[in-house]
Amino acid sequence: MDRPHRETGSTPGIAMRPSRFLLGAMLGFAGVVGASVFRCVFAHAEHAGHASVACAATLAVLALASYRWTRAQPSAIGVLSDGITIQSRTGAVRHTRIVRYAQWSGQCLVLTLLDARERRETLVLAADSVDAGTFRQLSVQARRAAASHL
């Protein structure tokens, strides 16, 4: 299969793009949380200034956490028969295997991965961050890996 964004050379070879779906979900979550904090503080303090400061502080913390999470996402992945390889933004490549998964309506795939040192990590993969063939292949591989652990 010819993937136009496949890197030539060493594995992993499928570059990951930033997901607009996950960005929209994070922005929606931040909006709901900011409004909730504003209403709760305003109901307790009955002063819009205090509520605005609490809302701004909450949104700043969420923005920082979202930025750090986005920067921690892999830059490329490689699909193997026994797992996946993940390349970080620094260039470090590590091999992991899929232990569990969850999939929501073909838009998002959450993989629980186990590395060589038996450490678990979670990889959230939106359908718009990789091509459709790779997303489908990862979904099938996750189902098979999860079924083998039952």
Protein backbone atom coordinates (compact mmCIF):
# COMPACT_ATOMS: atom_id res chain seq x y z
CA MET A 1 0.00 0.00 0.00
CA ASP A 2 1.40 3.38 -0.95
CA ARG A 3 1.04 5.89 1.87
CA PRO A 4 2.08 9.39 0.81
CA HIS A 5 3.15 10.40 4.32
CA ARG A 6 5.25 7.29 4.91
CA GLU A 7 8.85 8.14 5.75
CA THR A 8 11.58 6.34 3.91
CA GLY A 9 14.30 4.60 5.85
CA SER A 10 14.06 3.14 9.32
CA THR A 11 10.94 2.07 11.16
CA PRO A 12 8.60 3.45 12.29
CA GLY A 13 7.40 4.91 9.06
CA ILE A 14 3.90 6.27 9.50
CA ALA A 15 4.01 9.92 10.49
CA MET A 16 1.31 11.08 12.90
CA ARG A 17 -0.51 14.31 12.20
CA PRO A 18 -2.06 16.57 14.86
CA SER A 19 -5.70 15.59 15.33
CA ARG A 20 -8.39 18.21 14.84
CA PHE A 21 -10.89 15.86 16.49
CA LEU A 22 -8.88 15.68 19.73
CA LEU A 23 -8.14 19.41 19.64
CA GLY A 24 -11.87 20.12 19.36
CA ALA A 25 -12.61 17.70 22.20
CA MET A 26 -10.01 19.38 24.44
CA LEU A 27 -11.38 22.84 23.64
CA GLY A 28 -14.94 21.70 24.33
CA PHE A 29 -13.90 20.12 27.62
CA ALA A 30 -12.03 23.29 28.64
CA GLY A 31 -15.09 25.42 27.83
CA VAL A 32 -17.39 23.26 29.94
CA VAL A 33 -14.92 23.17 32.85
CA GLY A 34 -14.30 26.93 32.68
CA ALA A 35 -18.03 27.69 32.72
CA SER A 36 -18.57 25.26 35.60
CA VAL A 37 -15.81 26.79 37.71
CA PHE A 38 -17.13 30.29 37.00
CA ARG A 39 -20.67 29.34 38.06
CA CYS A 40 -19.54 27.53 41.22
CA VAL A 41 -17.26 30.35 42.38
CA PHE A 42 -19.82 33.00 41.45
CA ALA A 43 -22.54 31.17 43.41
CA HIS A 44 -20.28 30.97 46.46
CA ALA A 45 -18.53 34.36 46.37
CA GLU A 46 -21.24 36.35 44.50
CA HIS A 47 -18.54 38.45 42.83
CA ALA A 48 -17.78 38.21 39.13
CA GLY A 49 -14.13 39.24 39.60
CA HIS A 50 -13.33 36.28 41.84
CA ALA A 51 -15.17 33.92 39.52
CA SER A 52 -13.30 35.28 36.49
CA VAL A 53 -9.92 34.82 38.18
CA ALA A 54 -10.80 31.23 39.17
CA CYS A 55 -12.00 30.52 35.63
CA ALA A 56 -8.86 32.02 34.08
CA ALA A 57 -6.60 30.03 36.43
CA THR A 58 -8.44 26.81 35.61
CA LEU A 59 -8.21 27.45 31.87
CA ALA A 60 -4.48 28.22 32.19
CA VAL A 61 -3.84 24.93 33.99
CA LEU A 62 -5.87 23.02 31.39
CA ALA A 63 -4.04 24.76 28.54
CA LEU A 64 -0.67 23.84 30.03
CA ALA A 65 -1.73 20.22 30.56
CA SER A 66 -3.09 20.02 27.00
CA TYR A 67 0.12 21.47 25.57
CA ARG A 68 2.28 19.01 27.52
CA TRP A 69 0.08 16.08 26.46
CA THR A 70 0.24 17.16 22.81
CA ARG A 71 4.04 17.45 22.93
CA ALA A 72 4.30 13.97 24.51
CA GLN A 73 2.46 12.32 21.61
CA PRO A 74 4.62 10.24 19.25
CA SER A 75 5.75 11.70 15.96
CA ALA A 76 5.58 8.39 14.08
CA ILE A 77 4.42 4.82 14.58
CA GLY A 78 5.18 1.55 12.91
CA VAL A 79 2.72 -1.32 12.76
CA LEU A 80 4.32 -4.72 13.29
CA SER A 81 2.81 -8.19 13.52
CA ASP A 82 3.50 -8.47 17.26
CA GLY A 83 2.92 -4.85 18.32
CA ILE A 84 3.82 -1.33 17.32
CA THR A 85 6.93 0.80 17.42
CA ILE A 86 6.67 4.35 18.64
CA GLN A 87 9.05 7.15 17.73
CA SER A 88 9.08 10.13 20.07
CA ARG A 89 9.74 13.69 18.96
CA THR A 90 13.33 13.33 20.22
CA GLY A 91 13.91 10.40 17.86
CA ALA A 92 13.89 7.60 20.43
CA VAL A 93 12.22 4.45 19.08
CA ARG A 94 10.71 1.78 21.33
CA HIS A 95 8.80 -1.41 20.67
CA THR A 96 5.51 -2.00 22.51
CA ARG A 97 2.77 -4.57 22.32
CA ILE A 98 -0.96 -3.97 22.59
CA VAL A 99 -2.59 -5.29 25.77
CA ARG A 100 -6.04 -3.65 25.71
CA TYR A 101 -8.00 -1.28 23.54
CA ALA A 102 -11.17 0.78 23.32
CA GLN A 103 -12.69 2.19 20.16
CA TRP A 104 -15.38 4.81 19.77
CA SER A 105 -17.38 4.90 16.54
CA GLY A 106 -14.40 4.75 14.24
CA GLN A 107 -13.16 8.16 15.36
CA CYS A 108 -10.87 7.34 18.26
CA LEU A 109 -8.79 4.34 19.30
CA VAL A 110 -7.30 4.09 22.79
CA LEU A 111 -4.54 1.52 23.10
CA THR A 112 -3.00 0.24 26.31
CA LEU A 113 0.59 -0.63 25.48
CA LEU A 114 3.17 -2.67 27.35
CA ASP A 115 6.87 -2.02 26.73
CA ALA A 116 9.89 -4.28 27.26
CA ARG A 117 10.14 -3.29 30.94
CA GLU A 118 6.47 -4.25 31.52
CA ARG A 119 5.41 -0.60 31.94
CA ARG A 120 1.93 0.32 30.73
CA GLU A 121 1.16 3.43 28.76
CA THR A 122 -1.92 4.69 26.97
CA LEU A 123 -1.90 5.92 23.39
CA VAL A 124 -4.92 7.89 22.17
CA LEU A 125 -5.12 7.72 18.40
CA ALA A 126 -7.71 9.72 16.49
CA ALA A 127 -8.78 8.59 13.03
CA ASP A 128 -7.63 11.86 11.50
CA SER A 129 -4.06 11.56 12.84
CA VAL A 130 -3.16 8.64 10.54
CA ASP A 131 -4.50 7.42 7.22
CA ALA A 132 -7.61 5.21 7.10
CA GLY A 133 -5.74 2.02 6.24
CA THR A 134 -3.37 2.35 9.17
CA PHE A 135 -6.22 3.16 11.56
CA ARG A 136 -8.13 0.09 10.36
CA GLN A 137 -5.04 -2.09 10.66
CA LEU A 138 -4.41 -0.88 14.22
CA SER A 139 -8.05 -1.53 15.14
CA VAL A 140 -7.90 -5.10 13.88
CA GLN A 141 -4.55 -5.72 15.53
CA ALA A 142 -5.88 -4.31 18.83
CA ARG A 143 -8.91 -6.62 18.71
CA ARG A 144 -6.69 -9.63 18.10
CA ALA A 145 -4.25 -8.66 20.86
CA ALA A 146 -7.04 -8.03 23.37
CA ALA A 147 -8.68 -11.37 22.52
CA SER A 148 -5.40 -13.20 23.10
CA HIS A 149 -5.20 -11.81 26.66
CA LEU A 150 -8.66 -13.06 27.67
